[in-house]
């Protein structure tokens, strides 16, 4: 909903200017609605959370490999509890990127984060 609303709001003014219409007319908002739907679909696709499950007989090696890849992607470990590790982006990137949560079990590692980051990890593993 956020992407739909914000895209519609931002696009309505340039459309009104381009078509030489007043913002009080309904036409700019009808076109902005279409762009809002596209922005909403785009935002939903890239920013939803998904889960990646990795199994290994040697989860320690898998975790070292995962940590190296996350460092390459700009994430550092910020919290660790018994079985859960939380990785956050460095510096200003944290404003635009979500956290990655890693659940460590005996022979399985479950990674939860934004789809765009999990897909990058999937290519690596």
PDB file of N, CA and C in Angstrom:
ATOM      1  N   UNK A   1       0.821  -1.187   0.000  1.00  0.00           N
ATOM      2  CA  UNK A   1       0.000   0.000   0.000  1.00  0.00           C
ATOM      3  C   UNK A   1       0.875   1.264   0.000  1.00  0.00           C
ATOM      4  N   UNK A   2       1.982   1.185   0.717  1.00  0.00           N
ATOM      5  CA  UNK A   2       2.899   2.318   0.798  1.00  0.00           C
ATOM      6  C   UNK A   2       3.417   2.693  -0.589  1.00  0.00           C
ATOM      7  N   UNK A   3       3.863   1.708  -1.353  1.00  0.00           N
ATOM      8  CA  UNK A   3       4.419   1.978  -2.679  1.00  0.00           C
ATOM      9  C   UNK A   3       3.350   2.505  -3.624  1.00  0.00           C
ATOM     10  N   UNK A   4       2.157   1.958  -3.523  1.00  0.00           N
ATOM     11  CA  UNK A   4       1.051   2.424  -4.363  1.00  0.00           C
ATOM     12  C   UNK A   4       0.750   3.888  -4.068  1.00  0.00           C
ATOM     13  N   UNK A   5       0.538   4.200  -2.801  1.00  0.00           N
ATOM     14  CA  UNK A   5       0.159   5.559  -2.420  1.00  0.00           C
ATOM     15  C   UNK A   5       1.229   6.583  -2.736  1.00  0.00           C
ATOM     16  N   UNK A   6       2.457   6.270  -2.391  1.00  0.00           N
ATOM     17  CA  UNK A   6       3.547   7.217  -2.611  1.00  0.00           C
ATOM     18  C   UNK A   6       3.812   7.430  -4.103  1.00  0.00           C
ATOM     19  N   UNK A   7       3.794   6.360  -4.875  1.00  0.00           N
ATOM     20  CA  UNK A   7       4.007   6.492  -6.320  1.00  0.00           C
ATOM     21  C   UNK A   7       2.891   7.311  -6.949  1.00  0.00           C
ATOM     22  N   UNK A   8       1.649   7.046  -6.568  1.00  0.00           N
ATOM     23  CA  UNK A   8       0.513   7.804  -7.108  1.00  0.00           C
ATOM     24  C   UNK A   8       0.637   9.284  -6.781  1.00  0.00           C
ATOM     25  N   UNK A   9       0.996   9.574  -5.556  1.00  0.00           N
ATOM     26  CA  UNK A   9       1.118  10.962  -5.121  1.00  0.00           C
ATOM     27  C   UNK A   9       2.233  11.684  -5.865  1.00  0.00           C
ATOM     28  N   UNK A  10       3.377  11.053  -5.981  1.00  0.00           N
ATOM     29  CA  UNK A  10       4.527  11.686  -6.627  1.00  0.00           C
ATOM     30  C   UNK A  10       4.299  11.873  -8.126  1.00  0.00           C
ATOM     31  N   UNK A  11       3.676  10.918  -8.775  1.00  0.00           N
ATOM     32  CA  UNK A  11       3.514  10.945 -10.232  1.00  0.00           C
ATOM     33  C   UNK A  11       2.393  11.891 -10.672  1.00  0.00           C
ATOM     34  N   UNK A  12       1.435  12.163  -9.822  1.00  0.00           N
ATOM     35  CA  UNK A  12       0.293  12.989 -10.232  1.00  0.00           C
ATOM     36  C   UNK A  12       0.719  14.403 -10.644  1.00  0.00           C
ATOM     37  N   UNK A  13       1.673  15.003  -9.949  1.00  0.00           N
ATOM     38  CA  UNK A  13       2.091  16.361 -10.291  1.00  0.00           C
ATOM     39  C   UNK A  13       2.790  16.432 -11.657  1.00  0.00           C
ATOM     40  N   UNK A  14       3.801  15.586 -11.944  1.00  0.00           N
ATOM     41  CA  UNK A  14       4.418  15.662 -13.283  1.00  0.00           C
ATOM     42  C   UNK A  14       3.429  15.359 -14.414  1.00  0.00           C
ATOM     43  N   UNK A  15       2.489  14.470 -14.160  1.00  0.00           N
ATOM     44  CA  UNK A  15       1.495  14.168 -15.200  1.00  0.00           C
ATOM     45  C   UNK A  15       0.633  15.394 -15.463  1.00  0.00           C
ATOM     46  N   UNK A  16       0.215  16.076 -14.400  1.00  0.00           N
ATOM     47  CA  UNK A  16      -0.590  17.289 -14.566  1.00  0.00           C
ATOM     48  C   UNK A  16       0.196  18.357 -15.328  1.00  0.00           C
ATOM     49  N   UNK A  17       1.471  18.499 -15.021  1.00  0.00           N
ATOM     50  CA  UNK A  17       2.309  19.475 -15.725  1.00  0.00           C
ATOM     51  C   UNK A  17       2.478  19.096 -17.195  1.00  0.00           C
ATOM     52  N   UNK A  18       2.730  17.830 -17.455  1.00  0.00           N
ATOM     53  CA  UNK A  18       2.950  17.361 -18.823  1.00  0.00           C
ATOM     54  C   UNK A  18       1.696  17.534 -19.681  1.00  0.00           C
ATOM     55  N   UNK A  19       0.533  17.262 -19.113  1.00  0.00           N
ATOM     56  CA  UNK A  19      -0.728  17.371 -19.854  1.00  0.00           C
ATOM     57  C   UNK A  19      -1.341  18.767 -19.769  1.00  0.00           C
ATOM     58  N   UNK A  20      -0.660  19.687 -19.086  1.00  0.00           N
ATOM     59  CA  UNK A  20      -1.145  21.063 -18.902  1.00  0.00           C
ATOM     60  C   UNK A  20      -2.531  21.076 -18.271  1.00  0.00           C
ATOM     61  N   UNK A  21      -2.676  20.317 -17.193  1.00  0.00           N
ATOM     62  CA  UNK A  21      -3.942  20.240 -16.467  1.00  0.00           C
ATOM     63  C   UNK A  21      -3.749  20.751 -15.046  1.00  0.00           C
ATOM     64  N   UNK A  22      -4.848  21.143 -14.455  1.00  0.00           N
ATOM     65  CA  UNK A  22      -4.840  21.561 -13.057  1.00  0.00           C
ATOM     66  C   UNK A  22      -4.887  20.315 -12.179  1.00  0.00           C
ATOM     67  N   UNK A  23      -4.265  20.381 -11.001  1.00  0.00           N
ATOM     68  CA  UNK A  23      -4.307  19.240 -10.087  1.00  0.00           C
ATOM     69  C   UNK A  23      -5.712  18.993  -9.547  1.00  0.00           C
ATOM     70  N   UNK A  24      -6.625  19.931  -9.767  1.00  0.00           N
ATOM     71  CA  UNK A  24      -8.016  19.735  -9.358  1.00  0.00           C
ATOM     72  C   UNK A  24      -8.781  18.833 -10.323  1.00  0.00           C
ATOM     73  N   UNK A  25      -8.244  18.620 -11.523  1.00  0.00           N
ATOM     74  CA  UNK A  25      -8.892  17.736 -12.504  1.00  0.00           C
ATOM     75  C   UNK A  25      -8.628  16.281 -12.126  1.00  0.00           C
ATOM     76  N   UNK A  26      -9.488  15.410 -12.582  1.00  0.00           N
ATOM     77  CA  UNK A  26      -9.349  13.992 -12.223  1.00  0.00           C
ATOM     78  C   UNK A  26      -8.368  13.231 -13.122  1.00  0.00           C
ATOM     79  N   UNK A  27      -8.088  13.739 -14.304  1.00  0.00           N
ATOM     80  CA  UNK A  27      -7.251  13.015 -15.263  1.00  0.00           C
ATOM     81  C   UNK A  27      -5.845  12.694 -14.736  1.00  0.00           C
ATOM     82  N   UNK A  28      -5.126  13.636 -14.114  1.00  0.00           N
ATOM     83  CA  UNK A  28      -3.788  13.273 -13.618  1.00  0.00           C
ATOM     84  C   UNK A  28      -3.828  12.132 -12.607  1.00  0.00           C
ATOM     85  N   UNK A  29      -4.875  12.098 -11.799  1.00  0.00           N
ATOM     86  CA  UNK A  29      -4.976  11.061 -10.775  1.00  0.00           C
ATOM     87  C   UNK A  29      -5.333   9.699 -11.374  1.00  0.00           C
ATOM     88  N   UNK A  30      -6.048   9.716 -12.491  1.00  0.00           N
ATOM     89  CA  UNK A  30      -6.355   8.446 -13.155  1.00  0.00           C
ATOM     90  C   UNK A  30      -5.072   7.819 -13.710  1.00  0.00           C
ATOM     91  N   UNK A  31      -4.230   8.636 -14.317  1.00  0.00           N
ATOM     92  CA  UNK A  31      -2.950   8.120 -14.807  1.00  0.00           C
ATOM     93  C   UNK A  31      -2.035   7.754 -13.639  1.00  0.00           C
ATOM     94  N   UNK A  32      -2.051   8.574 -12.600  1.00  0.00           N
ATOM     95  CA  UNK A  32      -1.220   8.293 -11.426  1.00  0.00           C
ATOM     96  C   UNK A  32      -1.639   6.981 -10.772  1.00  0.00           C
ATOM     97  N   UNK A  33      -2.926   6.649 -10.842  1.00  0.00           N
ATOM     98  CA  UNK A  33      -3.416   5.381 -10.295  1.00  0.00           C
ATOM     99  C   UNK A  33      -2.725   4.210 -10.992  1.00  0.00           C
ATOM    100  N   UNK A  34      -2.590   4.292 -12.305  1.00  0.00           N
ATOM    101  CA  UNK A  34      -1.936   3.219 -13.075  1.00  0.00           C
ATOM    102  C   UNK A  34      -0.471   3.080 -12.644  1.00  0.00           C
ATOM    103  N   UNK A  35       0.226   4.211 -12.532  1.00  0.00           N
ATOM    104  CA  UNK A  35       1.619   4.161 -12.076  1.00  0.00           C
ATOM    105  C   UNK A  35       1.702   3.661 -10.640  1.00  0.00           C
ATOM    106  N   UNK A  36       0.726   4.025  -9.818  1.00  0.00           N
ATOM    107  CA  UNK A  36       0.689   3.557  -8.435  1.00  0.00           C
ATOM    108  C   UNK A  36       0.543   2.056  -8.343  1.00  0.00           C
ATOM    109  N   UNK A  37      -0.304   1.488  -9.199  1.00  0.00           N
ATOM    110  CA  UNK A  37      -0.468   0.026  -9.223  1.00  0.00           C
ATOM    111  C   UNK A  37       0.847  -0.636  -9.618  1.00  0.00           C
ATOM    112  N   UNK A  38       1.511  -0.088 -10.637  1.00  0.00           N
ATOM    113  CA  UNK A  38       2.797  -0.661 -11.054  1.00  0.00           C
ATOM    114  C   UNK A  38       3.835  -0.533  -9.937  1.00  0.00           C
ATOM    115  N   UNK A  39       3.878   0.616  -9.265  1.00  0.00           N
ATOM    116  CA  UNK A  39       4.808   0.803  -8.152  1.00  0.00           C
ATOM    117  C   UNK A  39       4.503  -0.129  -6.996  1.00  0.00           C
ATOM    118  N   UNK A  40       3.219  -0.355  -6.732  1.00  0.00           N
ATOM    119  CA  UNK A  40       2.826  -1.272  -5.665  1.00  0.00           C
ATOM    120  C   UNK A  40       3.231  -2.702  -5.963  1.00  0.00           C
ATOM    121  N   UNK A  41       3.040  -3.126  -7.195  1.00  0.00           N
ATOM    122  CA  UNK A  41       3.435  -4.488  -7.590  1.00  0.00           C
ATOM    123  C   UNK A  41       4.951  -4.634  -7.509  1.00  0.00           C
ATOM    124  N   UNK A  42       5.673  -3.641  -7.997  1.00  0.00           N
ATOM    125  CA  UNK A  42       7.137  -3.673  -7.947  1.00  0.00           C
ATOM    126  C   UNK A  42       7.620  -3.747  -6.507  1.00  0.00           C
ATOM    127  N   UNK A  43       7.078  -2.897  -5.648  1.00  0.00           N
ATOM    128  CA  UNK A  43       7.483  -2.889  -4.242  1.00  0.00           C
ATOM    129  C   UNK A  43       7.164  -4.187  -3.536  1.00  0.00           C
ATOM    130  N   UNK A  44       6.014  -4.757  -3.835  1.00  0.00           N
ATOM    131  CA  UNK A  44       5.629  -6.027  -3.229  1.00  0.00           C
ATOM    132  C   UNK A  44       6.556  -7.148  -3.674  1.00  0.00           C
ATOM    133  N   UNK A  45       6.918  -7.152  -4.929  1.00  0.00           N
ATOM    134  CA  UNK A  45       7.777  -8.214  -5.455  1.00  0.00           C
ATOM    135  C   UNK A  45       9.171  -8.170  -4.836  1.00  0.00           C
ATOM    136  N   UNK A  46       9.773  -6.994  -4.774  1.00  0.00           N
ATOM    137  CA  UNK A  46      11.160  -6.891  -4.332  1.00  0.00           C
ATOM    138  C   UNK A  46      11.324  -6.778  -2.824  1.00  0.00           C
ATOM    139  N   UNK A  47      10.336  -6.289  -2.121  1.00  0.00           N
ATOM    140  CA  UNK A  47      10.525  -6.014  -0.702  1.00  0.00           C
ATOM    141  C   UNK A  47       9.763  -6.933   0.232  1.00  0.00           C
ATOM    142  N   UNK A  48       9.186  -7.977  -0.278  1.00  0.00           N
ATOM    143  CA  UNK A  48       8.534  -8.922   0.622  1.00  0.00           C
ATOM    144  C   UNK A  48       9.605  -9.807   1.260  1.00  0.00           C
ATOM    145  N   UNK A  49       9.268 -10.402   2.369  1.00  0.00           N
ATOM    146  CA  UNK A  49      10.213 -11.298   3.046  1.00  0.00           C
ATOM    147  C   UNK A  49      10.012 -12.727   2.569  1.00  0.00           C
ATOM    148  N   UNK A  50      11.115 -13.411   2.327  1.00  0.00           N
ATOM    149  CA  UNK A  50      11.060 -14.828   1.974  1.00  0.00           C
ATOM    150  C   UNK A  50      12.077 -15.586   2.829  1.00  0.00           C
ATOM    151  N   UNK A  51      11.964 -16.902   2.807  1.00  0.00           N
ATOM    152  CA  UNK A  51      12.822 -17.763   3.619  1.00  0.00           C
ATOM    153  C   UNK A  51      13.644 -18.675   2.719  1.00  0.00           C
ATOM    154  N   UNK A  52      14.901 -18.834   3.066  1.00  0.00           N
ATOM    155  CA  UNK A  52      15.796 -19.762   2.385  1.00  0.00           C
ATOM    156  C   UNK A  52      16.265 -20.779   3.412  1.00  0.00           C
ATOM    157  N   UNK A  53      16.061 -22.056   3.117  1.00  0.00           N
ATOM    158  CA  UNK A  53      16.493 -23.119   4.022  1.00  0.00           C
ATOM    159  C   UNK A  53      17.660 -23.864   3.392  1.00  0.00           C
ATOM    160  N   UNK A  54      18.760 -23.943   4.130  1.00  0.00           N
ATOM    161  CA  UNK A  54      19.953 -24.640   3.664  1.00  0.00           C
ATOM    162  C   UNK A  54      20.256 -25.779   4.627  1.00  0.00           C
ATOM    163  N   UNK A  55      20.549 -26.945   4.082  1.00  0.00           N
ATOM    164  CA  UNK A  55      20.915 -28.080   4.931  1.00  0.00           C
ATOM    165  C   UNK A  55      22.358 -28.472   4.642  1.00  0.00           C
ATOM    166  N   UNK A  56      23.027 -28.930   5.692  1.00  0.00           N
ATOM    167  CA  UNK A  56      24.422 -29.318   5.551  1.00  0.00           C
ATOM    168  C   UNK A  56      24.811 -30.234   6.703  1.00  0.00           C
ATOM    169  N   UNK A  57      25.709 -31.166   6.415  1.00  0.00           N
ATOM    170  CA  UNK A  57      26.249 -32.015   7.473  1.00  0.00           C
ATOM    171  C   UNK A  57      27.258 -31.239   8.319  1.00  0.00           C
ATOM    172  N   UNK A  58      27.768 -30.146   7.761  1.00  0.00           N
ATOM    173  CA  UNK A  58      28.733 -29.305   8.468  1.00  0.00           C
ATOM    174  C   UNK A  58      28.212 -27.859   8.505  1.00  0.00           C
ATOM    175  N   UNK A  59      27.274 -27.573   9.398  1.00  0.00           N
ATOM    176  CA  UNK A  59      26.689 -26.226   9.422  1.00  0.00           C
ATOM    177  C   UNK A  59      27.689 -25.126   9.775  1.00  0.00           C
ATOM    178  N   UNK A  60      28.785 -25.474  10.449  1.00  0.00           N
ATOM    179  CA  UNK A  60      29.789 -24.466  10.796  1.00  0.00           C
ATOM    180  C   UNK A  60      30.420 -23.869   9.540  1.00  0.00           C
ATOM    181  N   UNK A  61      30.770 -24.742   8.584  1.00  0.00           N
ATOM    182  CA  UNK A  61      31.345 -24.267   7.322  1.00  0.00           C
ATOM    183  C   UNK A  61      30.324 -23.441   6.545  1.00  0.00           C
ATOM    184  N   UNK A  62      29.086 -23.885   6.584  1.00  0.00           N
ATOM    185  CA  UNK A  62      28.012 -23.161   5.910  1.00  0.00           C
ATOM    186  C   UNK A  62      27.852 -21.764   6.509  1.00  0.00           C
ATOM    187  N   UNK A  63      27.926 -21.665   7.829  1.00  0.00           N
ATOM    188  CA  UNK A  63      27.795 -20.367   8.493  1.00  0.00           C
ATOM    189  C   UNK A  63      28.958 -19.434   8.166  1.00  0.00           C
ATOM    190  N   UNK A  64      30.162 -19.975   8.083  1.00  0.00           N
ATOM    191  CA  UNK A  64      31.323 -19.155   7.717  1.00  0.00           C
ATOM    192  C   UNK A  64      31.150 -18.632   6.296  1.00  0.00           C
ATOM    193  N   UNK A  65      30.723 -19.502   5.399  1.00  0.00           N
ATOM    194  CA  UNK A  65      30.472 -19.126   4.013  1.00  0.00           C
ATOM    195  C   UNK A  65      29.373 -18.062   3.933  1.00  0.00           C
ATOM    196  N   UNK A  66      28.309 -18.266   4.705  1.00  0.00           N
ATOM    197  CA  UNK A  66      27.192 -17.323   4.739  1.00  0.00           C
ATOM    198  C   UNK A  66      27.645 -15.969   5.273  1.00  0.00           C
ATOM    199  N   UNK A  67      28.409 -15.988   6.339  1.00  0.00           N
ATOM    200  CA  UNK A  67      28.891 -14.730   6.931  1.00  0.00           C
ATOM    201  C   UNK A  67      29.764 -13.961   5.946  1.00  0.00           C
ATOM    202  N   UNK A  68      30.621 -14.653   5.216  1.00  0.00           N
ATOM    203  CA  UNK A  68      31.461 -13.995   4.208  1.00  0.00           C
ATOM    204  C   UNK A  68      30.614 -13.359   3.115  1.00  0.00           C
ATOM    205  N   UNK A  69      29.615 -14.081   2.651  1.00  0.00           N
ATOM    206  CA  UNK A  69      28.742 -13.551   1.597  1.00  0.00           C
ATOM    207  C   UNK A  69      27.949 -12.348   2.101  1.00  0.00           C
ATOM    208  N   UNK A  70      27.447 -12.427   3.331  1.00  0.00           N
ATOM    209  CA  UNK A  70      26.707 -11.296   3.892  1.00  0.00           C
ATOM    210  C   UNK A  70      27.608 -10.072   4.051  1.00  0.00           C
ATOM    211  N   UNK A  71      28.862 -10.285   4.422  1.00  0.00           N
ATOM    212  CA  UNK A  71      29.814  -9.168   4.507  1.00  0.00           C
ATOM    213  C   UNK A  71      30.032  -8.529   3.141  1.00  0.00           C
ATOM    214  N   UNK A  72      30.127  -9.355   2.095  1.00  0.00           N
ATOM    215  CA  UNK A  72      30.262  -8.837   0.729  1.00  0.00           C
ATOM    216  C   UNK A  72      29.052  -8.002   0.338  1.00  0.00           C
ATOM    217  N   UNK A  73      27.878  -8.410   0.817  1.00  0.00           N
ATOM    218  CA  UNK A  73      26.635  -7.710   0.489  1.00  0.00           C
ATOM    219  C   UNK A  73      26.423  -6.466   1.353  1.00  0.00           C
ATOM    220  N   UNK A  74      27.292  -6.234   2.338  1.00  0.00           N
ATOM    221  CA  UNK A  74      27.185  -5.036   3.160  1.00  0.00           C
ATOM    222  C   UNK A  74      26.495  -5.227   4.495  1.00  0.00           C
ATOM    223  N   UNK A  75      26.380  -6.466   4.953  1.00  0.00           N
ATOM    224  CA  UNK A  75      25.725  -6.755   6.229  1.00  0.00           C
ATOM    225  C   UNK A  75      26.758  -7.154   7.276  1.00  0.00           C
ATOM    226  N   UNK A  76      26.507  -6.750   8.515  1.00  0.00           N
ATOM    227  CA  UNK A  76      27.335  -7.183   9.637  1.00  0.00           C
ATOM    228  C   UNK A  76      26.430  -7.734  10.728  1.00  0.00           C
ATOM    229  N   UNK A  77      26.965  -8.645  11.508  1.00  0.00           N
ATOM    230  CA  UNK A  77      26.167  -9.247  12.576  1.00  0.00           C
ATOM    231  C   UNK A  77      25.982  -8.219  13.687  1.00  0.00           C
ATOM    232  N   UNK A  78      24.725  -7.967  14.043  1.00  0.00           N
ATOM    233  CA  UNK A  78      24.448  -6.963  15.068  1.00  0.00           C
ATOM    234  C   UNK A  78      23.965  -7.579  16.374  1.00  0.00           C
ATOM    235  N   UNK A  79      23.327  -8.741  16.295  1.00  0.00           N
ATOM    236  CA  UNK A  79      22.815  -9.400  17.493  1.00  0.00           C
ATOM    237  C   UNK A  79      22.972 -10.899  17.346  1.00  0.00           C
ATOM    238  N   UNK A  80      23.118 -11.558  18.487  1.00  0.00           N
ATOM    239  CA  UNK A  80      23.143 -13.018  18.472  1.00  0.00           C
ATOM    240  C   UNK A  80      22.525 -13.519  19.766  1.00  0.00           C
ATOM    241  N   UNK A  81      21.574 -14.422  19.610  1.00  0.00           N
ATOM    242  CA  UNK A  81      20.994 -15.106  20.752  1.00  0.00           C
ATOM    243  C   UNK A  81      21.402 -16.559  20.625  1.00  0.00           C
ATOM    244  N   UNK A  82      20.741 -17.445  21.320  1.00  0.00           N
ATOM    245  CA  UNK A  82      21.146 -18.855  21.288  1.00  0.00           C
ATOM    246  C   UNK A  82      21.223 -19.406  19.873  1.00  0.00           C
ATOM    247  N   UNK A  83      20.130 -19.358  19.153  1.00  0.00           N
ATOM    248  CA  UNK A  83      20.078 -19.970  17.827  1.00  0.00           C
ATOM    249  C   UNK A  83      19.835 -18.955  16.717  1.00  0.00           C
ATOM    250  N   UNK A  84      19.656 -17.693  17.059  1.00  0.00           N
ATOM    251  CA  UNK A  84      19.306 -16.678  16.064  1.00  0.00           C
ATOM    252  C   UNK A  84      20.408 -15.631  15.962  1.00  0.00           C
ATOM    253  N   UNK A  85      20.777 -15.330  14.727  1.00  0.00           N
ATOM    254  CA  UNK A  85      21.735 -14.258  14.452  1.00  0.00           C
ATOM    255  C   UNK A  85      21.028 -13.226  13.584  1.00  0.00           C
ATOM    256  N   UNK A  86      21.239 -11.968  13.887  1.00  0.00           N
ATOM    257  CA  UNK A  86      20.616 -10.892  13.118  1.00  0.00           C
ATOM    258  C   UNK A  86      21.715 -10.057  12.478  1.00  0.00           C
ATOM    259  N   UNK A  87      21.591  -9.867  11.170  1.00  0.00           N
ATOM    260  CA  UNK A  87      22.558  -9.096  10.397  1.00  0.00           C
ATOM    261  C   UNK A  87      21.877  -7.823   9.903  1.00  0.00           C
ATOM    262  N   UNK A  88      22.550  -6.696  10.079  1.00  0.00           N
ATOM    263  CA  UNK A  88      22.008  -5.416   9.628  1.00  0.00           C
ATOM    264  C   UNK A  88      22.981  -4.772   8.647  1.00  0.00           C
ATOM    265  N   UNK A  89      22.468  -3.942   7.754  1.00  0.00           N
ATOM    266  CA  UNK A  89      23.337  -3.250   6.803  1.00  0.00           C
ATOM    267  C   UNK A  89      24.205  -2.212   7.504  1.00  0.00           C
ATOM    268  N   UNK A  90      25.329  -1.919   6.900  1.00  0.00           N
ATOM    269  CA  UNK A  90      26.230  -0.911   7.446  1.00  0.00           C
ATOM    270  C   UNK A  90      25.723   0.493   7.122  1.00  0.00           C
ATOM    271  N   UNK A  91      25.994   1.424   7.973  1.00  0.00           N
ATOM    272  CA  UNK A  91      25.803   2.871   7.807  1.00  0.00           C
ATOM    273  C   UNK A  91      24.455   3.279   7.217  1.00  0.00           C
ATOM    274  N   UNK A  92      24.490   4.158   6.226  1.00  0.00           N
ATOM    275  CA  UNK A  92      23.263   4.723   5.663  1.00  0.00           C
ATOM    276  C   UNK A  92      22.424   3.710   4.890  1.00  0.00           C
ATOM    277  N   UNK A  93      23.027   2.603   4.505  1.00  0.00           N
ATOM    278  CA  UNK A  93      22.275   1.574   3.794  1.00  0.00           C
ATOM    279  C   UNK A  93      21.143   1.033   4.649  1.00  0.00           C
ATOM    280  N   UNK A  94      21.275   1.130   5.958  1.00  0.00           N
ATOM    281  CA  UNK A  94      20.262   0.597   6.871  1.00  0.00           C
ATOM    282  C   UNK A  94      18.917   1.283   6.684  1.00  0.00           C
ATOM    283  N   UNK A  95      18.907   2.492   6.136  1.00  0.00           N
ATOM    284  CA  UNK A  95      17.648   3.194   5.909  1.00  0.00           C
ATOM    285  C   UNK A  95      16.824   2.547   4.803  1.00  0.00           C
ATOM    286  N   UNK A  96      17.481   1.871   3.873  1.00  0.00           N
ATOM    287  CA  UNK A  96      16.794   1.333   2.705  1.00  0.00           C
ATOM    288  C   UNK A  96      16.782  -0.188   2.633  1.00  0.00           C
ATOM    289  N   UNK A  97      17.525  -0.836   3.496  1.00  0.00           N
ATOM    290  CA  UNK A  97      17.630  -2.293   3.445  1.00  0.00           C
ATOM    291  C   UNK A  97      17.130  -2.882   4.753  1.00  0.00           C
ATOM    292  N   UNK A  98      16.484  -4.017   4.674  1.00  0.00           N
ATOM    293  CA  UNK A  98      16.000  -4.682   5.873  1.00  0.00           C
ATOM    294  C   UNK A  98      17.059  -5.566   6.506  1.00  0.00           C
ATOM    295  N   UNK A  99      16.736  -6.087   7.666  1.00  0.00           N
ATOM    296  CA  UNK A  99      17.635  -6.993   8.374  1.00  0.00           C
ATOM    297  C   UNK A  99      17.518  -8.399   7.801  1.00  0.00           C
ATOM    298  N   UNK A 100      18.548  -9.180   8.018  1.00  0.00           N
ATOM    299  CA  UNK A 100      18.523 -10.598   7.661  1.00  0.00           C
ATOM    300  C   UNK A 100      18.644 -11.386   8.953  1.00  0.00           C
ATOM    301  N   UNK A 101      17.717 -12.310   9.145  1.00  0.00           N
ATOM    302  CA  UNK A 101      17.706 -13.136  10.350  1.00  0.00           C
ATOM    303  C   UNK A 101      18.097 -14.558   9.981  1.00  0.00           C
ATOM    304  N   UNK A 102      18.985 -15.141  10.772  1.00  0.00           N
ATOM    305  CA  UNK A 102      19.486 -16.487  10.501  1.00  0.00           C
ATOM    306  C   UNK A 102      19.196 -17.359  11.716  1.00  0.00           C
ATOM    307  N   UNK A 103      18.449 -18.422  11.498  1.00  0.00           N
ATOM    308  CA  UNK A 103      18.144 -19.399  12.544  1.00  0.00           C
ATOM    309  C   UNK A 103      19.045 -20.604  12.323  1.00  0.00           C
ATOM    310  N   UNK A 104      19.867 -20.919  13.317  1.00  0.00           N
ATOM    311  CA  UNK A 104      20.829 -22.012  13.209  1.00  0.00           C
ATOM    312  C   UNK A 104      20.302 -23.215  13.978  1.00  0.00           C
ATOM    313  N   UNK A 105      20.164 -24.342  13.268  1.00  0.00           N
ATOM    314  CA  UNK A 105      19.752 -25.591  13.894  1.00  0.00           C
ATOM    315  C   UNK A 105      20.845 -26.623  13.656  1.00  0.00           C
ATOM    316  N   UNK A 106      20.630 -27.864  14.088  1.00  0.00           N
ATOM    317  CA  UNK A 106      21.696 -28.877  14.007  1.00  0.00           C
ATOM    318  C   UNK A 106      22.256 -29.055  12.601  1.00  0.00           C
ATOM    319  N   UNK A 107      21.410 -29.366  11.640  1.00  0.00           N
ATOM    320  CA  UNK A 107      21.883 -29.595  10.274  1.00  0.00           C
ATOM    321  C   UNK A 107      21.200 -28.672   9.275  1.00  0.00           C
ATOM    322  N   UNK A 108      20.631 -27.590   9.773  1.00  0.00           N
ATOM    323  CA  UNK A 108      19.887 -26.700   8.898  1.00  0.00           C
ATOM    324  C   UNK A 108      20.105 -25.248   9.313  1.00  0.00           C
ATOM    325  N   UNK A 109      20.165 -24.388   8.315  1.00  0.00           N
ATOM    326  CA  UNK A 109      20.237 -22.951   8.535  1.00  0.00           C
ATOM    327  C   UNK A 109      19.071 -22.338   7.773  1.00  0.00           C
ATOM    328  N   UNK A 110      18.260 -21.570   8.475  1.00  0.00           N
ATOM    329  CA  UNK A 110      17.098 -20.922   7.864  1.00  0.00           C
ATOM    330  C   UNK A 110      17.359 -19.418   7.856  1.00  0.00           C
ATOM    331  N   UNK A 111      17.259 -18.812   6.674  1.00  0.00           N
ATOM    332  CA  UNK A 111      17.567 -17.395   6.494  1.00  0.00           C
ATOM    333  C   UNK A 111      16.297 -16.676   6.058  1.00  0.00           C
ATOM    334  N   UNK A 112      15.962 -15.589   6.752  1.00  0.00           N
ATOM    335  CA  UNK A 112      14.767 -14.808   6.431  1.00  0.00           C
ATOM    336  C   UNK A 112      15.189 -13.369   6.181  1.00  0.00           C
ATOM    337  N   UNK A 113      14.709 -12.802   5.076  1.00  0.00           N
ATOM    338  CA  UNK A 113      15.023 -11.415   4.753  1.00  0.00           C
ATOM    339  C   UNK A 113      14.245 -10.971   3.533  1.00  0.00           C
ATOM    340  N   UNK A 114      14.547  -9.779   3.065  1.00  0.00           N
ATOM    341  CA  UNK A 114      13.884  -9.272   1.863  1.00  0.00           C
ATOM    342  C   UNK A 114      14.239 -10.147   0.672  1.00  0.00           C
ATOM    343  N   UNK A 115      13.272 -10.267  -0.209  1.00  0.00           N
ATOM    344  CA  UNK A 115      13.412 -11.168  -1.354  1.00  0.00           C
ATOM    345  C   UNK A 115      14.656 -10.863  -2.186  1.00  0.00           C
ATOM    346  N   UNK A 116      14.961  -9.611  -2.392  1.00  0.00           N
ATOM    347  CA  UNK A 116      16.100  -9.253  -3.233  1.00  0.00           C
ATOM    348  C   UNK A 116      17.415  -9.760  -2.627  1.00  0.00           C
ATOM    349  N   UNK A 117      17.542  -9.739  -1.306  1.00  0.00           N
ATOM    350  CA  UNK A 117      18.767 -10.214  -0.660  1.00  0.00           C
ATOM    351  C   UNK A 117      18.823 -11.735  -0.616  1.00  0.00           C
ATOM    352  N   UNK A 118      17.692 -12.359  -0.344  1.00  0.00           N
ATOM    353  CA  UNK A 118      17.656 -13.824  -0.272  1.00  0.00           C
ATOM    354  C   UNK A 118      17.931 -14.424  -1.648  1.00  0.00           C
ATOM    355  N   UNK A 119      17.436 -13.798  -2.701  1.00  0.00           N
ATOM    356  CA  UNK A 119      17.721 -14.301  -4.052  1.00  0.00           C
ATOM    357  C   UNK A 119      19.218 -14.224  -4.355  1.00  0.00           C
ATOM    358  N   UNK A 120      19.870 -13.166  -3.904  1.00  0.00           N
ATOM    359  CA  UNK A 120      21.326 -13.052  -4.103  1.00  0.00           C
ATOM    360  C   UNK A 120      22.055 -14.153  -3.345  1.00  0.00           C
ATOM    361  N   UNK A 121      21.584 -14.475  -2.147  1.00  0.00           N
ATOM    362  CA  UNK A 121      22.193 -15.566  -1.384  1.00  0.00           C
ATOM    363  C   UNK A 121      21.928 -16.914  -2.039  1.00  0.00           C
ATOM    364  N   UNK A 122      20.733 -17.082  -2.615  1.00  0.00           N
ATOM    365  CA  UNK A 122      20.381 -18.345  -3.279  1.00  0.00           C
ATOM    366  C   UNK A 122      21.338 -18.637  -4.425  1.00  0.00           C
ATOM    367  N   UNK A 123      21.723 -17.616  -5.160  1.00  0.00           N
ATOM    368  CA  UNK A 123      22.653 -17.806  -6.275  1.00  0.00           C
ATOM    369  C   UNK A 123      24.011 -18.299  -5.780  1.00  0.00           C
ATOM    370  N   UNK A 124      24.385 -17.857  -4.598  1.00  0.00           N
ATOM    371  CA  UNK A 124      25.682 -18.232  -4.030  1.00  0.00           C
ATOM    372  C   UNK A 124      25.675 -19.661  -3.498  1.00  0.00           C
ATOM    373  N   UNK A 125      24.560 -20.087  -2.945  1.00  0.00           N
ATOM    374  CA  UNK A 125      24.485 -21.419  -2.351  1.00  0.00           C
ATOM    375  C   UNK A 125      23.780 -22.343  -3.304  1.00  0.00           C
TER     376      UNK A 125
END
